[in-house]
Amino acid sequence: MEKEQIQKIIEKYRRKSMQFRRYSDEKCAFFERVADDIEDNIHIFIDNFYETEDDILEDVKESFTEVDDFFDDENPIDNLF
């Protein structure tokens, strides 16, 4: 995808993160997290491998799962060192 297309996706999720009347606080926080992750890693998504928004979202959700699994341990702070 091209940078401009990806920036539109980021803007879409930022807008959704502000729609508190439509979505729960948890869902709005999730949308903000998605936008942040895409923005932080935009250089990865500017590639022919990522052709659609769904391709990017699949990758983002997978990265969230990895991080969440990491912090599911009993003593997550121990895993940071």
PDB file of N, CA and C in Angstrom:
ATOM      1  N   MET A   1       0.848  -1.190   0.000  1.00  0.00           N
ATOM      2  CA  MET A   1       0.000   0.000   0.000  1.00  0.00           C
ATOM      3  C   MET A   1       0.884   1.242   0.000  1.00  0.00           C
ATOM      4  N   GLU A   2       0.304   2.308  -0.440  1.00  0.00           N
ATOM      5  CA  GLU A   2       1.017   3.573  -0.443  1.00  0.00           C
ATOM      6  C   GLU A   2       0.781   4.298   0.882  1.00  0.00           C
ATOM      7  N   LYS A   3       1.707   5.180   1.207  1.00  0.00           N
ATOM      8  CA  LYS A   3       1.668   5.897   2.478  1.00  0.00           C
ATOM      9  C   LYS A   3       0.343   6.644   2.673  1.00  0.00           C
ATOM     10  N   GLU A   4      -0.156   7.278   1.624  1.00  0.00           N
ATOM     11  CA  GLU A   4      -1.399   8.052   1.721  1.00  0.00           C
ATOM     12  C   GLU A   4      -2.584   7.148   2.075  1.00  0.00           C
ATOM     13  N   GLN A   5      -2.624   5.963   1.508  1.00  0.00           N
ATOM     14  CA  GLN A   5      -3.697   5.009   1.800  1.00  0.00           C
ATOM     15  C   GLN A   5      -3.633   4.578   3.273  1.00  0.00           C
ATOM     16  N   ILE A   6      -2.436   4.338   3.740  1.00  0.00           N
ATOM     17  CA  ILE A   6      -2.250   3.897   5.129  1.00  0.00           C
ATOM     18  C   ILE A   6      -2.617   5.020   6.090  1.00  0.00           C
ATOM     19  N   GLN A   7      -2.271   6.243   5.741  1.00  0.00           N
ATOM     20  CA  GLN A   7      -2.627   7.379   6.599  1.00  0.00           C
ATOM     21  C   GLN A   7      -4.144   7.539   6.693  1.00  0.00           C
ATOM     22  N   LYS A   8      -4.857   7.225   5.636  1.00  0.00           N
ATOM     23  CA  LYS A   8      -6.323   7.277   5.683  1.00  0.00           C
ATOM     24  C   LYS A   8      -6.872   6.215   6.633  1.00  0.00           C
ATOM     25  N   ILE A   9      -6.245   5.067   6.663  1.00  0.00           N
ATOM     26  CA  ILE A   9      -6.657   4.009   7.606  1.00  0.00           C
ATOM     27  C   ILE A   9      -6.416   4.480   9.037  1.00  0.00           C
ATOM     28  N   ILE A  10      -5.281   5.094   9.277  1.00  0.00           N
ATOM     29  CA  ILE A  10      -4.959   5.620  10.616  1.00  0.00           C
ATOM     30  C   ILE A  10      -6.012   6.645  11.025  1.00  0.00           C
ATOM     31  N   GLU A  11      -6.342   7.558  10.123  1.00  0.00           N
ATOM     32  CA  GLU A  11      -7.353   8.580  10.403  1.00  0.00           C
ATOM     33  C   GLU A  11      -8.709   7.945  10.699  1.00  0.00           C
ATOM     34  N   LYS A  12      -9.048   6.914   9.958  1.00  0.00           N
ATOM     35  CA  LYS A  12     -10.323   6.209  10.169  1.00  0.00           C
ATOM     36  C   LYS A  12     -10.408   5.663  11.594  1.00  0.00           C
ATOM     37  N   TYR A  13      -9.351   5.022  12.056  1.00  0.00           N
ATOM     38  CA  TYR A  13      -9.381   4.441  13.396  1.00  0.00           C
ATOM     39  C   TYR A  13      -9.274   5.494  14.485  1.00  0.00           C
ATOM     40  N   ARG A  14      -8.627   6.601  14.204  1.00  0.00           N
ATOM     41  CA  ARG A  14      -8.613   7.716  15.173  1.00  0.00           C
ATOM     42  C   ARG A  14     -10.035   8.276  15.325  1.00  0.00           C
ATOM     43  N   ARG A  15     -10.736   8.437  14.209  1.00  0.00           N
ATOM     44  CA  ARG A  15     -12.130   8.935  14.274  1.00  0.00           C
ATOM     45  C   ARG A  15     -12.997   7.956  15.061  1.00  0.00           C
ATOM     46  N   LYS A  16     -12.852   6.678  14.768  1.00  0.00           N
ATOM     47  CA  LYS A  16     -13.655   5.667  15.469  1.00  0.00           C
ATOM     48  C   LYS A  16     -13.336   5.670  16.969  1.00  0.00           C
ATOM     49  N   SER A  17     -12.087   5.966  17.321  1.00  0.00           N
ATOM     50  CA  SER A  17     -11.701   5.962  18.737  1.00  0.00           C
ATOM     51  C   SER A  17     -12.350   7.111  19.514  1.00  0.00           C
ATOM     52  N   MET A  18     -12.874   8.096  18.802  1.00  0.00           N
ATOM     53  CA  MET A  18     -13.507   9.242  19.449  1.00  0.00           C
ATOM     54  C   MET A  18     -15.032   9.122  19.501  1.00  0.00           C
ATOM     55  N   GLN A  19     -15.577   8.032  19.002  1.00  0.00           N
ATOM     56  CA  GLN A  19     -17.029   7.858  18.943  1.00  0.00           C
ATOM     57  C   GLN A  19     -17.526   7.087  20.173  1.00  0.00           C
ATOM     58  N   PHE A  20     -17.450   7.773  21.310  1.00  0.00           N
ATOM     59  CA  PHE A  20     -17.798   7.148  22.588  1.00  0.00           C
ATOM     60  C   PHE A  20     -19.281   6.803  22.696  1.00  0.00           C
ATOM     61  N   ARG A  21     -20.105   7.527  22.011  1.00  0.00           N
ATOM     62  CA  ARG A  21     -21.547   7.235  22.072  1.00  0.00           C
ATOM     63  C   ARG A  21     -21.888   5.980  21.281  1.00  0.00           C
ATOM     64  N   ARG A  22     -21.087   5.695  20.283  1.00  0.00           N
ATOM     65  CA  ARG A  22     -21.353   4.538  19.427  1.00  0.00           C
ATOM     66  C   ARG A  22     -20.669   3.267  19.939  1.00  0.00           C
ATOM     67  N   TYR A  23     -19.457   3.430  20.480  1.00  0.00           N
ATOM     68  CA  TYR A  23     -18.666   2.288  20.920  1.00  0.00           C
ATOM     69  C   TYR A  23     -18.373   2.382  22.414  1.00  0.00           C
ATOM     70  N   SER A  24     -18.081   1.256  23.013  1.00  0.00           N
ATOM     71  CA  SER A  24     -17.711   1.240  24.430  1.00  0.00           C
ATOM     72  C   SER A  24     -16.335   1.883  24.601  1.00  0.00           C
ATOM     73  N   ASP A  25     -16.020   2.240  25.842  1.00  0.00           N
ATOM     74  CA  ASP A  25     -14.704   2.810  26.140  1.00  0.00           C
ATOM     75  C   ASP A  25     -13.601   1.840  25.734  1.00  0.00           C
ATOM     76  N   GLU A  26     -13.843   0.565  25.992  1.00  0.00           N
ATOM     77  CA  GLU A  26     -12.853  -0.466  25.653  1.00  0.00           C
ATOM     78  C   GLU A  26     -12.619  -0.527  24.139  1.00  0.00           C
ATOM     79  N   LYS A  27     -13.690  -0.455  23.385  1.00  0.00           N
ATOM     80  CA  LYS A  27     -13.589  -0.512  21.929  1.00  0.00           C
ATOM     81  C   LYS A  27     -12.890   0.746  21.399  1.00  0.00           C
ATOM     82  N   CYS A  28     -13.207   1.901  21.961  1.00  0.00           N
ATOM     83  CA  CYS A  28     -12.549   3.141  21.548  1.00  0.00           C
ATOM     84  C   CYS A  28     -11.048   3.081  21.838  1.00  0.00           C
ATOM     85  N   ALA A  29     -10.692   2.545  22.978  1.00  0.00           N
ATOM     86  CA  ALA A  29      -9.276   2.387  23.326  1.00  0.00           C
ATOM     87  C   ALA A  29      -8.594   1.431  22.351  1.00  0.00           C
ATOM     88  N   PHE A  30      -9.313   0.379  21.967  1.00  0.00           N
ATOM     89  CA  PHE A  30      -8.766  -0.563  20.997  1.00  0.00           C
ATOM     90  C   PHE A  30      -8.518   0.128  19.654  1.00  0.00           C
ATOM     91  N   PHE A  31      -9.460   0.933  19.198  1.00  0.00           N
ATOM     92  CA  PHE A  31      -9.290   1.644  17.930  1.00  0.00           C
ATOM     93  C   PHE A  31      -8.089   2.587  18.000  1.00  0.00           C
ATOM     94  N   GLU A  32      -7.915   3.256  19.128  1.00  0.00           N
ATOM     95  CA  GLU A  32      -6.768   4.145  19.301  1.00  0.00           C
ATOM     96  C   GLU A  32      -5.467   3.346  19.262  1.00  0.00           C
ATOM     97  N   ARG A  33      -5.487   2.194  19.882  1.00  0.00           N
ATOM     98  CA  ARG A  33      -4.316   1.311  19.893  1.00  0.00           C
ATOM     99  C   ARG A  33      -3.980   0.840  18.474  1.00  0.00           C
ATOM    100  N   VAL A  34      -4.990   0.528  17.696  1.00  0.00           N
ATOM    101  CA  VAL A  34      -4.787   0.118  16.298  1.00  0.00           C
ATOM    102  C   VAL A  34      -4.146   1.264  15.521  1.00  0.00           C
ATOM    103  N   ALA A  35      -4.700   2.458  15.645  1.00  0.00           N
ATOM    104  CA  ALA A  35      -4.164   3.626  14.931  1.00  0.00           C
ATOM    105  C   ALA A  35      -2.719   3.889  15.334  1.00  0.00           C
ATOM    106  N   ASP A  36      -2.429   3.816  16.621  1.00  0.00           N
ATOM    107  CA  ASP A  36      -1.063   4.036  17.107  1.00  0.00           C
ATOM    108  C   ASP A  36      -0.098   3.007  16.539  1.00  0.00           C
ATOM    109  N   ASP A  37      -0.514   1.749  16.544  1.00  0.00           N
ATOM    110  CA  ASP A  37       0.363   0.688  16.062  1.00  0.00           C
ATOM    111  C   ASP A  37       0.652   0.848  14.570  1.00  0.00           C
ATOM    112  N   ILE A  38      -0.373   1.157  13.803  1.00  0.00           N
ATOM    113  CA  ILE A  38      -0.173   1.346  12.365  1.00  0.00           C
ATOM    114  C   ILE A  38       0.744   2.544  12.127  1.00  0.00           C
ATOM    115  N   GLU A  39       0.511   3.624  12.854  1.00  0.00           N
ATOM    116  CA  GLU A  39       1.322   4.825  12.691  1.00  0.00           C
ATOM    117  C   GLU A  39       2.779   4.570  13.079  1.00  0.00           C
ATOM    118  N   ASP A  40       2.978   3.864  14.179  1.00  0.00           N
ATOM    119  CA  ASP A  40       4.336   3.569  14.646  1.00  0.00           C
ATOM    120  C   ASP A  40       5.099   2.664  13.681  1.00  0.00           C
ATOM    121  N   ASN A  41       4.371   1.842  12.949  1.00  0.00           N
ATOM    122  CA  ASN A  41       5.009   0.870  12.054  1.00  0.00           C
ATOM    123  C   ASN A  41       4.677   1.112  10.590  1.00  0.00           C
ATOM    124  N   ILE A  42       4.358   2.337  10.250  1.00  0.00           N
ATOM    125  CA  ILE A  42       3.922   2.639   8.884  1.00  0.00           C
ATOM    126  C   ILE A  42       4.960   2.205   7.848  1.00  0.00           C
ATOM    127  N   HIS A  43       6.225   2.291   8.202  1.00  0.00           N
ATOM    128  CA  HIS A  43       7.279   1.907   7.263  1.00  0.00           C
ATOM    129  C   HIS A  43       7.194   0.422   6.880  1.00  0.00           C
ATOM    130  N   ILE A  44       6.654  -0.383   7.758  1.00  0.00           N
ATOM    131  CA  ILE A  44       6.494  -1.820   7.477  1.00  0.00           C
ATOM    132  C   ILE A  44       5.358  -2.045   6.482  1.00  0.00           C
ATOM    133  N   PHE A  45       4.316  -1.256   6.594  1.00  0.00           N
ATOM    134  CA  PHE A  45       3.119  -1.469   5.791  1.00  0.00           C
ATOM    135  C   PHE A  45       3.208  -0.864   4.383  1.00  0.00           C
ATOM    136  N   ILE A  46       4.202  -0.009   4.159  1.00  0.00           N
ATOM    137  CA  ILE A  46       4.398   0.547   2.824  1.00  0.00           C
ATOM    138  C   ILE A  46       5.145  -0.510   2.019  1.00  0.00           C
ATOM    139  N   ASP A  47       4.366  -1.388   1.457  1.00  0.00           N
ATOM    140  CA  ASP A  47       4.937  -2.567   0.819  1.00  0.00           C
ATOM    141  C   ASP A  47       3.874  -3.201  -0.062  1.00  0.00           C
ATOM    142  N   ASN A  48       4.279  -3.906  -1.070  1.00  0.00           N
ATOM    143  CA  ASN A  48       3.324  -4.590  -1.936  1.00  0.00           C
ATOM    144  C   ASN A  48       2.658  -5.776  -1.254  1.00  0.00           C
ATOM    145  N   PHE A  49       3.259  -6.296  -0.199  1.00  0.00           N
ATOM    146  CA  PHE A  49       2.677  -7.420   0.532  1.00  0.00           C
ATOM    147  C   PHE A  49       1.345  -7.027   1.166  1.00  0.00           C
ATOM    148  N   TYR A  50       1.236  -5.788   1.606  1.00  0.00           N
ATOM    149  CA  TYR A  50       0.018  -5.287   2.225  1.00  0.00           C
ATOM    150  C   TYR A  50      -0.803  -4.575   1.162  1.00  0.00           C
ATOM    151  N   GLU A  51      -1.818  -5.253   0.679  1.00  0.00           N
ATOM    152  CA  GLU A  51      -2.612  -4.702  -0.408  1.00  0.00           C
ATOM    153  C   GLU A  51      -3.922  -4.072   0.060  1.00  0.00           C
ATOM    154  N   THR A  52      -4.416  -4.494   1.238  1.00  0.00           N
ATOM    155  CA  THR A  52      -5.705  -4.001   1.718  1.00  0.00           C
ATOM    156  C   THR A  52      -5.618  -3.630   3.193  1.00  0.00           C
ATOM    157  N   GLU A  53      -6.646  -2.947   3.651  1.00  0.00           N
ATOM    158  CA  GLU A  53      -6.764  -2.611   5.071  1.00  0.00           C
ATOM    159  C   GLU A  53      -6.804  -3.886   5.912  1.00  0.00           C
ATOM    160  N   ASP A  54      -7.497  -4.896   5.419  1.00  0.00           N
ATOM    161  CA  ASP A  54      -7.584  -6.159   6.156  1.00  0.00           C
ATOM    162  C   ASP A  54      -6.219  -6.815   6.335  1.00  0.00           C
ATOM    163  N   ASP A  55      -5.354  -6.707   5.341  1.00  0.00           N
ATOM    164  CA  ASP A  55      -3.998  -7.250   5.466  1.00  0.00           C
ATOM    165  C   ASP A  55      -3.258  -6.580   6.621  1.00  0.00           C
ATOM    166  N   ILE A  56      -3.393  -5.273   6.705  1.00  0.00           N
ATOM    167  CA  ILE A  56      -2.726  -4.526   7.774  1.00  0.00           C
ATOM    168  C   ILE A  56      -3.341  -4.875   9.128  1.00  0.00           C
ATOM    169  N   LEU A  57      -4.666  -4.908   9.205  1.00  0.00           N
ATOM    170  CA  LEU A  57      -5.335  -5.205  10.470  1.00  0.00           C
ATOM    171  C   LEU A  57      -4.995  -6.603  10.968  1.00  0.00           C
ATOM    172  N   GLU A  58      -4.878  -7.546  10.063  1.00  0.00           N
ATOM    173  CA  GLU A  58      -4.518  -8.908  10.461  1.00  0.00           C
ATOM    174  C   GLU A  58      -3.144  -8.914  11.128  1.00  0.00           C
ATOM    175  N   ASP A  59      -2.214  -8.180  10.563  1.00  0.00           N
ATOM    176  CA  ASP A  59      -0.870  -8.098  11.123  1.00  0.00           C
ATOM    177  C   ASP A  59      -0.874  -7.379  12.475  1.00  0.00           C
ATOM    178  N   VAL A  60      -1.635  -6.296  12.574  1.00  0.00           N
ATOM    179  CA  VAL A  60      -1.719  -5.529  13.818  1.00  0.00           C
ATOM    180  C   VAL A  60      -2.326  -6.391  14.930  1.00  0.00           C
ATOM    181  N   LYS A  61      -3.421  -7.069  14.634  1.00  0.00           N
ATOM    182  CA  LYS A  61      -4.075  -7.912  15.632  1.00  0.00           C
ATOM    183  C   LYS A  61      -3.154  -9.038  16.087  1.00  0.00           C
ATOM    184  N   GLU A  62      -2.376  -9.573  15.179  1.00  0.00           N
ATOM    185  CA  GLU A  62      -1.428 -10.629  15.537  1.00  0.00           C
ATOM    186  C   GLU A  62      -0.369 -10.089  16.490  1.00  0.00           C
ATOM    187  N   SER A  63       0.097  -8.878  16.241  1.00  0.00           N
ATOM    188  CA  SER A  63       1.096  -8.296  17.135  1.00  0.00           C
ATOM    189  C   SER A  63       0.501  -8.036  18.517  1.00  0.00           C
ATOM    190  N   PHE A  64      -0.779  -7.647  18.578  1.00  0.00           N
ATOM    191  CA  PHE A  64      -1.438  -7.449  19.873  1.00  0.00           C
ATOM    192  C   PHE A  64      -1.518  -8.766  20.631  1.00  0.00           C
ATOM    193  N   THR A  65      -1.834  -9.836  19.939  1.00  0.00           N
ATOM    194  CA  THR A  65      -1.950 -11.150  20.567  1.00  0.00           C
ATOM    195  C   THR A  65      -0.618 -11.569  21.169  1.00  0.00           C
ATOM    196  N   GLU A  66       0.463 -11.318  20.437  1.00  0.00           N
ATOM    197  CA  GLU A  66       1.787 -11.677  20.938  1.00  0.00           C
ATOM    198  C   GLU A  66       2.115 -10.909  22.208  1.00  0.00           C
ATOM    199  N   VAL A  67       1.831  -9.621  22.215  1.00  0.00           N
ATOM    200  CA  VAL A  67       2.120  -8.791  23.394  1.00  0.00           C
ATOM    201  C   VAL A  67       1.232  -9.205  24.559  1.00  0.00           C
ATOM    202  N   ASP A  68      -0.065  -9.405  24.298  1.00  0.00           N
ATOM    203  CA  ASP A  68      -0.983  -9.799  25.361  1.00  0.00           C
ATOM    204  C   ASP A  68      -0.596 -11.155  25.957  1.00  0.00           C
ATOM    205  N   ASP A  69      -0.170 -12.086  25.117  1.00  0.00           N
ATOM    206  CA  ASP A  69       0.277 -13.389  25.606  1.00  0.00           C
ATOM    207  C   ASP A  69       1.500 -13.237  26.489  1.00  0.00           C
ATOM    208  N   PHE A  70       2.383 -12.327  26.128  1.00  0.00           N
ATOM    209  CA  PHE A  70       3.590 -12.076  26.903  1.00  0.00           C
ATOM    210  C   PHE A  70       3.239 -11.597  28.313  1.00  0.00           C
ATOM    211  N   PHE A  71       2.252 -10.740  28.436  1.00  0.00           N
ATOM    212  CA  PHE A  71       1.889 -10.176  29.729  1.00  0.00           C
ATOM    213  C   PHE A  71       0.855 -11.005  30.486  1.00  0.00           C
ATOM    214  N   ASP A  72       0.460 -12.143  29.951  1.00  0.00           N
ATOM    215  CA  ASP A  72      -0.468 -13.014  30.653  1.00  0.00           C
ATOM    216  C   ASP A  72       0.210 -13.871  31.715  1.00  0.00           C
ATOM    217  N   ASP A  73       1.537 -13.868  31.744  1.00  0.00           N
ATOM    218  CA  ASP A  73       2.253 -14.648  32.749  1.00  0.00           C
ATOM    219  C   ASP A  73       1.942 -14.131  34.145  1.00  0.00           C
ATOM    220  N   GLU A  74       2.204 -14.971  35.156  1.00  0.00           N
ATOM    221  CA  GLU A  74       1.917 -14.582  36.538  1.00  0.00           C
ATOM    222  C   GLU A  74       2.686 -13.337  36.951  1.00  0.00           C
ATOM    223  N   ASN A  75       3.959 -13.285  36.607  1.00  0.00           N
ATOM    224  CA  ASN A  75       4.812 -12.157  36.998  1.00  0.00           C
ATOM    225  C   ASN A  75       5.373 -11.496  35.748  1.00  0.00           C
ATOM    226  N   PRO A  76       4.575 -10.714  35.057  1.00  0.00           N
ATOM    227  CA  PRO A  76       5.030 -10.158  33.785  1.00  0.00           C
ATOM    228  C   PRO A  76       6.256  -9.271  33.909  1.00  0.00           C
ATOM    229  N   ILE A  77       6.419  -8.611  35.039  1.00  0.00           N
ATOM    230  CA  ILE A  77       7.571  -7.732  35.203  1.00  0.00           C
ATOM    231  C   ILE A  77       8.875  -8.541  35.129  1.00  0.00           C
ATOM    232  N   ASP A  78       8.845  -9.786  35.577  1.00  0.00           N
ATOM    233  CA  ASP A  78      10.036 -10.629  35.506  1.00  0.00           C
ATOM    234  C   ASP A  78      10.473 -10.879  34.073  1.00  0.00           C
ATOM    235  N   ASN A  79       9.537 -10.844  33.147  1.00  0.00           N
ATOM    236  CA  ASN A  79       9.857 -11.106  31.750  1.00  0.00           C
ATOM    237  C   ASN A  79      10.498  -9.904  31.059  1.00  0.00           C
ATOM    238  N   LEU A  80      10.520  -8.776  31.702  1.00  0.00           N
ATOM    239  CA  LEU A  80      11.078  -7.583  31.077  1.00  0.00           C
ATOM    240  C   LEU A  80      12.591  -7.502  31.218  1.00  0.00           C
ATOM    241  N   PHE A  81      13.161  -8.339  32.055  1.00  0.00           N
ATOM    242  CA  PHE A  81      14.602  -8.269  32.298  1.00  0.00           C
ATOM    243  C   PHE A  81      15.311  -9.507  31.840  1.00  0.00           C
TER     244      PHE A  81
END
